[in-house]
């Protein structure tokens, strides 16, 4: 192909149009280099997904803690919780803590 044939090619005419060139440069600029580029949006979307997952996790933890708090309104449950979690005891009472060895001995 000669230079004249290349210039007469339909694709070359479209691509050499100044508006098409500006449009391509604009798309490249907005896609990769601009502050609001596609790459930045993708990173921000990933961060939003992580934060939404963390938000769901903390909501579940709040619900679990709320159930524990509601359960602790009963004096018997409060006493049981204090004995189990904080090793509390009544006066003149002995507590024996039994720990199981979880290491397998082969």
PDB file of N, CA and C in Angstrom:
ATOM      1  N   UNK A   1       0.827  -1.176   0.000  1.00  0.00           N
ATOM      2  CA  UNK A   1       0.000   0.000   0.000  1.00  0.00           C
ATOM      3  C   UNK A   1       0.877   1.247   0.000  1.00  0.00           C
ATOM      4  N   UNK A   2       0.466   2.155  -0.769  1.00  0.00           N
ATOM      5  CA  UNK A   2       1.199   3.412  -0.816  1.00  0.00           C
ATOM      6  C   UNK A   2       0.562   4.395   0.158  1.00  0.00           C
ATOM      7  N   UNK A   3       1.244   5.488   0.358  1.00  0.00           N
ATOM      8  CA  UNK A   3       0.755   6.502   1.284  1.00  0.00           C
ATOM      9  C   UNK A   3      -0.578   7.069   0.802  1.00  0.00           C
ATOM     10  N   UNK A   4      -0.726   7.195  -0.503  1.00  0.00           N
ATOM     11  CA  UNK A   4      -1.969   7.718  -1.058  1.00  0.00           C
ATOM     12  C   UNK A   4      -3.125   6.767  -0.802  1.00  0.00           C
ATOM     13  N   UNK A   5      -2.882   5.475  -0.901  1.00  0.00           N
ATOM     14  CA  UNK A   5      -3.933   4.482  -0.651  1.00  0.00           C
ATOM     15  C   UNK A   5      -4.321   4.456   0.838  1.00  0.00           C
ATOM     16  N   UNK A   6      -3.327   4.631   1.686  1.00  0.00           N
ATOM     17  CA  UNK A   6      -3.600   4.650   3.127  1.00  0.00           C
ATOM     18  C   UNK A   6      -4.457   5.860   3.470  1.00  0.00           C
ATOM     19  N   UNK A   7      -4.141   7.020   2.909  1.00  0.00           N
ATOM     20  CA  UNK A   7      -4.914   8.232   3.176  1.00  0.00           C
ATOM     21  C   UNK A   7      -6.337   8.131   2.651  1.00  0.00           C
ATOM     22  N   UNK A   8      -6.553   7.365   1.606  1.00  0.00           N
ATOM     23  CA  UNK A   8      -7.886   7.219   1.043  1.00  0.00           C
ATOM     24  C   UNK A   8      -8.696   6.123   1.748  1.00  0.00           C
ATOM     25  N   UNK A   9      -8.061   5.354   2.604  1.00  0.00           N
ATOM     26  CA  UNK A   9      -8.737   4.283   3.331  1.00  0.00           C
ATOM     27  C   UNK A   9      -9.807   4.893   4.248  1.00  0.00           C
ATOM     28  N   UNK A  10     -10.987   4.255   4.298  1.00  0.00           N
ATOM     29  CA  UNK A  10     -12.117   4.784   5.055  1.00  0.00           C
ATOM     30  C   UNK A  10     -11.818   4.841   6.555  1.00  0.00           C
ATOM     31  N   UNK A  11     -11.172   3.815   7.094  1.00  0.00           N
ATOM     32  CA  UNK A  11     -10.845   3.772   8.525  1.00  0.00           C
ATOM     33  C   UNK A  11      -9.851   4.873   8.860  1.00  0.00           C
ATOM     34  N   UNK A  12      -8.874   5.079   8.009  1.00  0.00           N
ATOM     35  CA  UNK A  12      -7.879   6.122   8.260  1.00  0.00           C
ATOM     36  C   UNK A  12      -8.530   7.501   8.249  1.00  0.00           C
ATOM     37  N   UNK A  13      -9.465   7.701   7.354  1.00  0.00           N
ATOM     38  CA  UNK A  13     -10.151   8.990   7.296  1.00  0.00           C
ATOM     39  C   UNK A  13     -10.931   9.255   8.587  1.00  0.00           C
ATOM     40  N   UNK A  14     -11.578   8.227   9.090  1.00  0.00           N
ATOM     41  CA  UNK A  14     -12.347   8.399  10.326  1.00  0.00           C
ATOM     42  C   UNK A  14     -11.406   8.656  11.497  1.00  0.00           C
ATOM     43  N   UNK A  15     -10.332   7.871  11.600  1.00  0.00           N
ATOM     44  CA  UNK A  15      -9.403   8.009  12.718  1.00  0.00           C
ATOM     45  C   UNK A  15      -8.577   9.290  12.644  1.00  0.00           C
ATOM     46  N   UNK A  16      -8.382   9.840  11.464  1.00  0.00           N
ATOM     47  CA  UNK A  16      -7.593  11.062  11.344  1.00  0.00           C
ATOM     48  C   UNK A  16      -8.448  12.321  11.505  1.00  0.00           C
ATOM     49  N   UNK A  17      -9.729  12.158  11.702  1.00  0.00           N
ATOM     50  CA  UNK A  17     -10.603  13.294  11.941  1.00  0.00           C
ATOM     51  C   UNK A  17     -10.227  13.906  13.303  1.00  0.00           C
ATOM     52  N   UNK A  18     -10.145  15.236  13.358  1.00  0.00           N
ATOM     53  CA  UNK A  18      -9.678  15.896  14.584  1.00  0.00           C
ATOM     54  C   UNK A  18     -10.630  15.665  15.746  1.00  0.00           C
ATOM     55  N   UNK A  19     -11.912  15.535  15.488  1.00  0.00           N
ATOM     56  CA  UNK A  19     -12.864  15.288  16.559  1.00  0.00           C
ATOM     57  C   UNK A  19     -12.724  13.874  17.134  1.00  0.00           C
ATOM     58  N   UNK A  20     -12.456  12.926  16.289  1.00  0.00           N
ATOM     59  CA  UNK A  20     -12.240  11.550  16.742  1.00  0.00           C
ATOM     60  C   UNK A  20     -10.956  11.471  17.556  1.00  0.00           C
ATOM     61  N   UNK A  21      -9.922  12.144  17.126  1.00  0.00           N
ATOM     62  CA  UNK A  21      -8.651  12.156  17.859  1.00  0.00           C
ATOM     63  C   UNK A  21      -8.857  12.778  19.247  1.00  0.00           C
ATOM     64  N   UNK A  22      -9.571  13.900  19.284  1.00  0.00           N
ATOM     65  CA  UNK A  22      -9.840  14.557  20.577  1.00  0.00           C
ATOM     66  C   UNK A  22     -10.683  13.653  21.467  1.00  0.00           C
ATOM     67  N   UNK A  23     -11.673  12.978  20.898  1.00  0.00           N
ATOM     68  CA  UNK A  23     -12.510  12.066  21.660  1.00  0.00           C
ATOM     69  C   UNK A  23     -11.694  10.909  22.232  1.00  0.00           C
ATOM     70  N   UNK A  24     -10.809  10.351  21.454  1.00  0.00           N
ATOM     71  CA  UNK A  24      -9.953   9.250  21.922  1.00  0.00           C
ATOM     72  C   UNK A  24      -9.032   9.733  23.041  1.00  0.00           C
ATOM     73  N   UNK A  25      -8.418  10.898  22.845  1.00  0.00           N
ATOM     74  CA  UNK A  25      -7.543  11.434  23.889  1.00  0.00           C
ATOM     75  C   UNK A  25      -8.323  11.728  25.170  1.00  0.00           C
ATOM     76  N   UNK A  26      -9.521  12.256  25.018  1.00  0.00           N
ATOM     77  CA  UNK A  26     -10.371  12.531  26.182  1.00  0.00           C
ATOM     78  C   UNK A  26     -10.714  11.237  26.921  1.00  0.00           C
ATOM     79  N   UNK A  27     -11.062  10.200  26.169  1.00  0.00           N
ATOM     80  CA  UNK A  27     -11.415   8.916  26.793  1.00  0.00           C
ATOM     81  C   UNK A  27     -10.211   8.322  27.526  1.00  0.00           C
ATOM     82  N   UNK A  28      -9.035   8.410  26.935  1.00  0.00           N
ATOM     83  CA  UNK A  28      -7.825   7.908  27.600  1.00  0.00           C
ATOM     84  C   UNK A  28      -7.547   8.718  28.853  1.00  0.00           C
ATOM     85  N   UNK A  29      -7.661  10.036  28.752  1.00  0.00           N
ATOM     86  CA  UNK A  29      -7.409  10.903  29.911  1.00  0.00           C
ATOM     87  C   UNK A  29      -8.384  10.590  31.050  1.00  0.00           C
ATOM     88  N   UNK A  30      -9.678  10.487  30.714  1.00  0.00           N
ATOM     89  CA  UNK A  30     -10.673  10.217  31.753  1.00  0.00           C
ATOM     90  C   UNK A  30     -10.564   8.801  32.297  1.00  0.00           C
ATOM     91  N   UNK A  31     -10.085   7.890  31.484  1.00  0.00           N
ATOM     92  CA  UNK A  31      -9.979   6.498  31.919  1.00  0.00           C
ATOM     93  C   UNK A  31      -8.821   6.236  32.851  1.00  0.00           C
ATOM     94  N   UNK A  32      -7.716   6.957  32.687  1.00  0.00           N
ATOM     95  CA  UNK A  32      -6.517   6.597  33.426  1.00  0.00           C
ATOM     96  C   UNK A  32      -5.858   7.737  34.199  1.00  0.00           C
ATOM     97  N   UNK A  33      -5.918   8.962  33.730  1.00  0.00           N
ATOM     98  CA  UNK A  33      -5.099  10.018  34.320  1.00  0.00           C
ATOM     99  C   UNK A  33      -5.861  11.014  35.189  1.00  0.00           C
ATOM    100  N   UNK A  34      -7.124  11.178  34.977  1.00  0.00           N
ATOM    101  CA  UNK A  34      -7.884  12.193  35.694  1.00  0.00           C
ATOM    102  C   UNK A  34      -8.116  11.780  37.148  1.00  0.00           C
ATOM    103  N   UNK A  35      -8.410  12.765  37.983  1.00  0.00           N
ATOM    104  CA  UNK A  35      -8.689  12.481  39.393  1.00  0.00           C
ATOM    105  C   UNK A  35      -9.923  11.598  39.537  1.00  0.00           C
ATOM    106  N   UNK A  36     -10.870  11.729  38.657  1.00  0.00           N
ATOM    107  CA  UNK A  36     -12.090  10.922  38.671  1.00  0.00           C
ATOM    108  C   UNK A  36     -12.029   9.798  37.640  1.00  0.00           C
ATOM    109  N   UNK A  37     -10.878   9.206  37.474  1.00  0.00           N
ATOM    110  CA  UNK A  37     -10.679   8.205  36.432  1.00  0.00           C
ATOM    111  C   UNK A  37     -11.364   6.889  36.785  1.00  0.00           C
ATOM    112  N   UNK A  38     -11.452   6.045  35.795  1.00  0.00           N
ATOM    113  CA  UNK A  38     -12.038   4.714  35.973  1.00  0.00           C
ATOM    114  C   UNK A  38     -11.270   3.926  37.021  1.00  0.00           C
ATOM    115  N   UNK A  39      -9.961   4.051  37.030  1.00  0.00           N
ATOM    116  CA  UNK A  39      -9.130   3.311  37.985  1.00  0.00           C
ATOM    117  C   UNK A  39      -9.441   3.760  39.417  1.00  0.00           C
ATOM    118  N   UNK A  40      -9.564   5.058  39.621  1.00  0.00           N
ATOM    119  CA  UNK A  40      -9.896   5.560  40.965  1.00  0.00           C
ATOM    120  C   UNK A  40     -11.287   5.103  41.386  1.00  0.00           C
ATOM    121  N   UNK A  41     -12.229   5.116  40.476  1.00  0.00           N
ATOM    122  CA  UNK A  41     -13.580   4.663  40.795  1.00  0.00           C
ATOM    123  C   UNK A  41     -13.583   3.186  41.180  1.00  0.00           C
ATOM    124  N   UNK A  42     -12.810   2.397  40.482  1.00  0.00           N
ATOM    125  CA  UNK A  42     -12.735   0.970  40.801  1.00  0.00           C
ATOM    126  C   UNK A  42     -12.157   0.754  42.192  1.00  0.00           C
ATOM    127  N   UNK A  43     -11.089   1.477  42.541  1.00  0.00           N
ATOM    128  CA  UNK A  43     -10.493   1.359  43.872  1.00  0.00           C
ATOM    129  C   UNK A  43     -11.481   1.809  44.955  1.00  0.00           C
ATOM    130  N   UNK A  44     -12.189   2.902  44.683  1.00  0.00           N
ATOM    131  CA  UNK A  44     -13.166   3.397  45.654  1.00  0.00           C
ATOM    132  C   UNK A  44     -14.336   2.431  45.810  1.00  0.00           C
ATOM    133  N   UNK A  45     -14.765   1.796  44.722  1.00  0.00           N
ATOM    134  CA  UNK A  45     -15.835   0.803  44.809  1.00  0.00           C
ATOM    135  C   UNK A  45     -15.410  -0.391  45.656  1.00  0.00           C
ATOM    136  N   UNK A  46     -14.149  -0.826  45.516  1.00  0.00           N
ATOM    137  CA  UNK A  46     -13.644  -1.921  46.336  1.00  0.00           C
ATOM    138  C   UNK A  46     -13.617  -1.520  47.803  1.00  0.00           C
ATOM    139  N   UNK A  47     -13.210  -0.285  48.085  1.00  0.00           N
ATOM    140  CA  UNK A  47     -13.183   0.189  49.462  1.00  0.00           C
ATOM    141  C   UNK A  47     -14.598   0.280  50.036  1.00  0.00           C
ATOM    142  N   UNK A  48     -15.552   0.709  49.219  1.00  0.00           N
ATOM    143  CA  UNK A  48     -16.944   0.767  49.659  1.00  0.00           C
ATOM    144  C   UNK A  48     -17.445  -0.628  49.998  1.00  0.00           C
ATOM    145  N   UNK A  49     -17.102  -1.617  49.171  1.00  0.00           N
ATOM    146  CA  UNK A  49     -17.523  -2.991  49.450  1.00  0.00           C
ATOM    147  C   UNK A  49     -16.949  -3.482  50.781  1.00  0.00           C
ATOM    148  N   UNK A  50     -15.674  -3.185  51.029  1.00  0.00           N
ATOM    149  CA  UNK A  50     -15.056  -3.587  52.297  1.00  0.00           C
ATOM    150  C   UNK A  50     -15.755  -2.917  53.474  1.00  0.00           C
ATOM    151  N   UNK A  51     -16.061  -1.641  53.340  1.00  0.00           N
ATOM    152  CA  UNK A  51     -16.726  -0.917  54.428  1.00  0.00           C
ATOM    153  C   UNK A  51     -18.150  -1.423  54.655  1.00  0.00           C
ATOM    154  N   UNK A  52     -18.848  -1.778  53.590  1.00  0.00           N
ATOM    155  CA  UNK A  52     -20.189  -2.332  53.744  1.00  0.00           C
ATOM    156  C   UNK A  52     -20.144  -3.682  54.446  1.00  0.00           C
ATOM    157  N   UNK A  53     -19.140  -4.502  54.114  1.00  0.00           N
ATOM    158  CA  UNK A  53     -18.984  -5.787  54.793  1.00  0.00           C
ATOM    159  C   UNK A  53     -18.674  -5.580  56.269  1.00  0.00           C
ATOM    160  N   UNK A  54     -17.806  -4.619  56.568  1.00  0.00           N
ATOM    161  CA  UNK A  54     -17.490  -4.317  57.964  1.00  0.00           C
ATOM    162  C   UNK A  54     -18.732  -3.811  58.688  1.00  0.00           C
ATOM    163  N   UNK A  55     -19.526  -3.006  58.018  1.00  0.00           N
ATOM    164  CA  UNK A  55     -20.756  -2.483  58.602  1.00  0.00           C
ATOM    165  C   UNK A  55     -21.713  -3.626  58.955  1.00  0.00           C
ATOM    166  N   UNK A  56     -21.874  -4.591  58.065  1.00  0.00           N
ATOM    167  CA  UNK A  56     -22.729  -5.746  58.328  1.00  0.00           C
ATOM    168  C   UNK A  56     -22.198  -6.543  59.519  1.00  0.00           C
ATOM    169  N   UNK A  57     -20.887  -6.749  59.568  1.00  0.00           N
ATOM    170  CA  UNK A  57     -20.272  -7.495  60.662  1.00  0.00           C
ATOM    171  C   UNK A  57     -20.556  -6.812  61.994  1.00  0.00           C
ATOM    172  N   UNK A  58     -20.374  -5.490  62.057  1.00  0.00           N
ATOM    173  CA  UNK A  58     -20.588  -4.777  63.307  1.00  0.00           C
ATOM    174  C   UNK A  58     -22.064  -4.735  63.698  1.00  0.00           C
ATOM    175  N   UNK A  59     -22.957  -4.696  62.722  1.00  0.00           N
ATOM    176  CA  UNK A  59     -24.384  -4.766  63.037  1.00  0.00           C
ATOM    177  C   UNK A  59     -24.727  -6.113  63.664  1.00  0.00           C
ATOM    178  N   UNK A  60     -24.140  -7.198  63.131  1.00  0.00           N
ATOM    179  CA  UNK A  60     -24.363  -8.519  63.708  1.00  0.00           C
ATOM    180  C   UNK A  60     -23.805  -8.585  65.124  1.00  0.00           C
ATOM    181  N   UNK A  61     -22.637  -7.991  65.346  1.00  0.00           N
ATOM    182  CA  UNK A  61     -22.054  -7.973  66.684  1.00  0.00           C
ATOM    183  C   UNK A  61     -22.933  -7.176  67.651  1.00  0.00           C
ATOM    184  N   UNK A  62     -23.483  -6.082  67.189  1.00  0.00           N
ATOM    185  CA  UNK A  62     -24.371  -5.273  68.029  1.00  0.00           C
ATOM    186  C   UNK A  62     -25.604  -6.086  68.411  1.00  0.00           C
ATOM    187  N   UNK A  63     -26.174  -6.818  67.455  1.00  0.00           N
ATOM    188  CA  UNK A  63     -27.334  -7.646  67.751  1.00  0.00           C
ATOM    189  C   UNK A  63     -26.992  -8.723  68.774  1.00  0.00           C
ATOM    190  N   UNK A  64     -25.838  -9.350  68.609  1.00  0.00           N
ATOM    191  CA  UNK A  64     -25.402 -10.384  69.549  1.00  0.00           C
ATOM    192  C   UNK A  64     -25.207  -9.794  70.937  1.00  0.00           C
ATOM    193  N   UNK A  65     -24.541  -8.658  71.020  1.00  0.00           N
ATOM    194  CA  UNK A  65     -24.317  -8.009  72.310  1.00  0.00           C
ATOM    195  C   UNK A  65     -25.628  -7.545  72.934  1.00  0.00           C
ATOM    196  N   UNK A  66     -26.566  -7.091  72.118  1.00  0.00           N
ATOM    197  CA  UNK A  66     -27.864  -6.656  72.631  1.00  0.00           C
ATOM    198  C   UNK A  66     -28.612  -7.838  73.245  1.00  0.00           C
ATOM    199  N   UNK A  67     -28.509  -9.011  72.604  1.00  0.00           N
ATOM    200  CA  UNK A  67     -29.146 -10.208  73.170  1.00  0.00           C
ATOM    201  C   UNK A  67     -28.521 -10.561  74.512  1.00  0.00           C
ATOM    202  N   UNK A  68     -27.204 -10.446  74.615  1.00  0.00           N
ATOM    203  CA  UNK A  68     -26.522 -10.730  75.881  1.00  0.00           C
ATOM    204  C   UNK A  68     -26.975  -9.729  76.945  1.00  0.00           C
ATOM    205  N   UNK A  69     -27.049  -8.467  76.587  1.00  0.00           N
ATOM    206  CA  UNK A  69     -27.478  -7.439  77.542  1.00  0.00           C
ATOM    207  C   UNK A  69     -28.911  -7.702  77.996  1.00  0.00           C
ATOM    208  N   UNK A  70     -29.789  -8.037  77.064  1.00  0.00           N
ATOM    209  CA  UNK A  70     -31.172  -8.339  77.429  1.00  0.00           C
ATOM    210  C   UNK A  70     -31.238  -9.545  78.355  1.00  0.00           C
ATOM    211  N   UNK A  71     -30.386 -10.532  78.097  1.00  0.00           N
ATOM    212  CA  UNK A  71     -30.343 -11.729  78.928  1.00  0.00           C
ATOM    213  C   UNK A  71     -29.817 -11.416  80.326  1.00  0.00           C
ATOM    214  N   UNK A  72     -28.934 -10.438  80.442  1.00  0.00           N
ATOM    215  CA  UNK A  72     -28.345 -10.104  81.736  1.00  0.00           C
ATOM    216  C   UNK A  72     -29.277  -9.285  82.627  1.00  0.00           C
ATOM    217  N   UNK A  73     -30.418  -8.905  82.138  1.00  0.00           N
ATOM    218  CA  UNK A  73     -31.388  -8.202  82.983  1.00  0.00           C
ATOM    219  C   UNK A  73     -31.963  -9.128  84.052  1.00  0.00           C
ATOM    220  N   UNK A  74     -31.934 -10.419  83.813  1.00  0.00           N
ATOM    221  CA  UNK A  74     -32.394 -11.409  84.788  1.00  0.00           C
ATOM    222  C   UNK A  74     -31.273 -11.642  85.806  1.00  0.00           C
ATOM    223  N   UNK A  75     -31.554 -11.537  87.117  1.00  0.00           N
ATOM    224  CA  UNK A  75     -30.488 -11.690  88.126  1.00  0.00           C
ATOM    225  C   UNK A  75     -29.797 -13.055  88.092  1.00  0.00           C
ATOM    226  N   UNK A  76     -30.543 -14.118  87.786  1.00  0.00           N
ATOM    227  CA  UNK A  76     -29.923 -15.445  87.727  1.00  0.00           C
ATOM    228  C   UNK A  76     -28.949 -15.536  86.544  1.00  0.00           C
ATOM    229  N   UNK A  77     -29.337 -14.972  85.435  1.00  0.00           N
ATOM    230  CA  UNK A  77     -28.453 -14.975  84.263  1.00  0.00           C
ATOM    231  C   UNK A  77     -27.225 -14.112  84.510  1.00  0.00           C
ATOM    232  N   UNK A  78     -27.417 -13.013  85.212  1.00  0.00           N
ATOM    233  CA  UNK A  78     -26.294 -12.138  85.535  1.00  0.00           C
ATOM    234  C   UNK A  78     -25.287 -12.852  86.429  1.00  0.00           C
ATOM    235  N   UNK A  79     -25.803 -13.572  87.419  1.00  0.00           N
ATOM    236  CA  UNK A  79     -24.921 -14.321  88.315  1.00  0.00           C
ATOM    237  C   UNK A  79     -24.173 -15.410  87.554  1.00  0.00           C
ATOM    238  N   UNK A  80     -24.864 -16.118  86.683  1.00  0.00           N
ATOM    239  CA  UNK A  80     -24.232 -17.179  85.890  1.00  0.00           C
ATOM    240  C   UNK A  80     -23.140 -16.595  84.987  1.00  0.00           C
ATOM    241  N   UNK A  81     -23.444 -15.479  84.362  1.00  0.00           N
ATOM    242  CA  UNK A  81     -22.465 -14.838  83.473  1.00  0.00           C
ATOM    243  C   UNK A  81     -21.234 -14.384  84.263  1.00  0.00           C
ATOM    244  N   UNK A  82     -21.451 -13.791  85.435  1.00  0.00           N
ATOM    245  CA  UNK A  82     -20.332 -13.324  86.260  1.00  0.00           C
ATOM    246  C   UNK A  82     -19.481 -14.494  86.714  1.00  0.00           C
ATOM    247  N   UNK A  83     -20.092 -15.599  87.065  1.00  0.00           N
ATOM    248  CA  UNK A  83     -19.334 -16.775  87.492  1.00  0.00           C
ATOM    249  C   UNK A  83     -18.517 -17.360  86.344  1.00  0.00           C
ATOM    250  N   UNK A  84     -19.116 -17.438  85.154  1.00  0.00           N
ATOM    251  CA  UNK A  84     -18.432 -18.077  84.026  1.00  0.00           C
ATOM    252  C   UNK A  84     -17.346 -17.189  83.419  1.00  0.00           C
ATOM    253  N   UNK A  85     -17.656 -15.925  83.229  1.00  0.00           N
ATOM    254  CA  UNK A  85     -16.732 -15.052  82.509  1.00  0.00           C
ATOM    255  C   UNK A  85     -15.674 -14.426  83.412  1.00  0.00           C
ATOM    256  N   UNK A  86     -16.060 -14.045  84.598  1.00  0.00           N
ATOM    257  CA  UNK A  86     -15.149 -13.303  85.466  1.00  0.00           C
ATOM    258  C   UNK A  86     -14.697 -14.091  86.687  1.00  0.00           C
ATOM    259  N   UNK A  87     -15.048 -15.391  86.750  1.00  0.00           N
ATOM    260  CA  UNK A  87     -14.625 -16.291  87.823  1.00  0.00           C
ATOM    261  C   UNK A  87     -14.992 -15.733  89.203  1.00  0.00           C
ATOM    262  N   UNK A  88     -16.151 -15.123  89.306  1.00  0.00           N
ATOM    263  CA  UNK A  88     -16.600 -14.575  90.585  1.00  0.00           C
ATOM    264  C   UNK A  88     -17.224 -15.683  91.425  1.00  0.00           C
ATOM    265  N   UNK A  89     -17.246 -15.469  92.732  1.00  0.00           N
ATOM    266  CA  UNK A  89     -17.794 -16.480  93.635  1.00  0.00           C
ATOM    267  C   UNK A  89     -18.470 -15.802  94.813  1.00  0.00           C
ATOM    268  N   UNK A  90     -19.251 -16.605  95.498  1.00  0.00           N
ATOM    269  CA  UNK A  90     -19.899 -16.124  96.709  1.00  0.00           C
ATOM    270  C   UNK A  90     -18.925 -16.291  97.877  1.00  0.00           C
ATOM    271  N   UNK A  91     -19.226 -15.656  98.999  1.00  0.00           N
ATOM    272  CA  UNK A  91     -18.392 -15.805 100.180  1.00  0.00           C
ATOM    273  C   UNK A  91     -18.427 -17.261 100.646  1.00  0.00           C
ATOM    274  N   UNK A  92     -17.299 -17.721 101.172  1.00  0.00           N
ATOM    275  CA  UNK A  92     -17.168 -19.083 101.688  1.00  0.00           C
ATOM    276  C   UNK A  92     -17.442 -20.133 100.610  1.00  0.00           C
ATOM    277  N   UNK A  93     -17.048 -19.825  99.389  1.00  0.00           N
ATOM    278  CA  UNK A  93     -17.251 -20.765  98.287  1.00  0.00           C
ATOM    279  C   UNK A  93     -15.917 -20.960  97.580  1.00  0.00           C
ATOM    280  N   UNK A  94     -15.594 -22.200  97.255  1.00  0.00           N
ATOM    281  CA  UNK A  94     -14.362 -22.505  96.534  1.00  0.00           C
ATOM    282  C   UNK A  94     -14.704 -22.797  95.079  1.00  0.00           C
ATOM    283  N   UNK A  95     -13.841 -22.321  94.204  1.00  0.00           N
ATOM    284  CA  UNK A  95     -14.028 -22.550  92.767  1.00  0.00           C
ATOM    285  C   UNK A  95     -12.831 -23.322  92.253  1.00  0.00           C
ATOM    286  N   UNK A  96     -13.104 -24.366  91.503  1.00  0.00           N
ATOM    287  CA  UNK A  96     -12.055 -25.148  90.875  1.00  0.00           C
ATOM    288  C   UNK A  96     -12.180 -24.963  89.365  1.00  0.00           C
ATOM    289  N   UNK A  97     -11.133 -24.450  88.754  1.00  0.00           N
ATOM    290  CA  UNK A  97     -11.132 -24.222  87.312  1.00  0.00           C
ATOM    291  C   UNK A  97     -10.458 -25.417  86.663  1.00  0.00           C
ATOM    292  N   UNK A  98     -11.171 -26.057  85.762  1.00  0.00           N
ATOM    293  CA  UNK A  98     -10.642 -27.225  85.075  1.00  0.00           C
ATOM    294  C   UNK A  98     -10.347 -26.817  83.637  1.00  0.00           C
ATOM    295  N   UNK A  99      -9.110 -26.955  83.252  1.00  0.00           N
ATOM    296  CA  UNK A  99      -8.713 -26.668  81.868  1.00  0.00           C
ATOM    297  C   UNK A  99      -8.328 -27.960  81.191  1.00  0.00           C
ATOM    298  N   UNK A 100      -8.781 -28.125  80.006  1.00  0.00           N
ATOM    299  CA  UNK A 100      -8.482 -29.335  79.249  1.00  0.00           C
ATOM    300  C   UNK A 100      -7.311 -29.067  78.323  1.00  0.00           C
ATOM    301  N   UNK A 101      -6.418 -30.035  78.247  1.00  0.00           N
ATOM    302  CA  UNK A 101      -5.271 -29.928  77.346  1.00  0.00           C
ATOM    303  C   UNK A 101      -5.735 -30.300  75.949  1.00  0.00           C
ATOM    304  N   UNK A 102      -5.612 -29.383  75.003  1.00  0.00           N
ATOM    305  CA  UNK A 102      -6.103 -29.637  73.657  1.00  0.00           C
ATOM    306  C   UNK A 102      -5.003 -30.108  72.711  1.00  0.00           C
ATOM    307  N   UNK A 103      -3.790 -30.239  73.204  1.00  0.00           N
ATOM    308  CA  UNK A 103      -2.678 -30.669  72.353  1.00  0.00           C
ATOM    309  C   UNK A 103      -2.726 -32.179  72.226  1.00  0.00           C
ATOM    310  N   UNK A 104      -2.690 -32.671  70.991  1.00  0.00           N
ATOM    311  CA  UNK A 104      -2.681 -34.110  70.751  1.00  0.00           C
ATOM    312  C   UNK A 104      -1.278 -34.656  70.959  1.00  0.00           C
ATOM    313  N   UNK A 105      -1.179 -35.717  71.697  1.00  0.00           N
ATOM    314  CA  UNK A 105       0.116 -36.350  71.920  1.00  0.00           C
ATOM    315  C   UNK A 105       0.161 -37.631  71.123  1.00  0.00           C
ATOM    316  N   UNK A 106       0.981 -37.633  70.099  1.00  0.00           N
ATOM    317  CA  UNK A 106       1.095 -38.841  69.250  1.00  0.00           C
ATOM    318  C   UNK A 106       2.335 -39.620  69.582  1.00  0.00           C
TER     319      UNK A 106
END
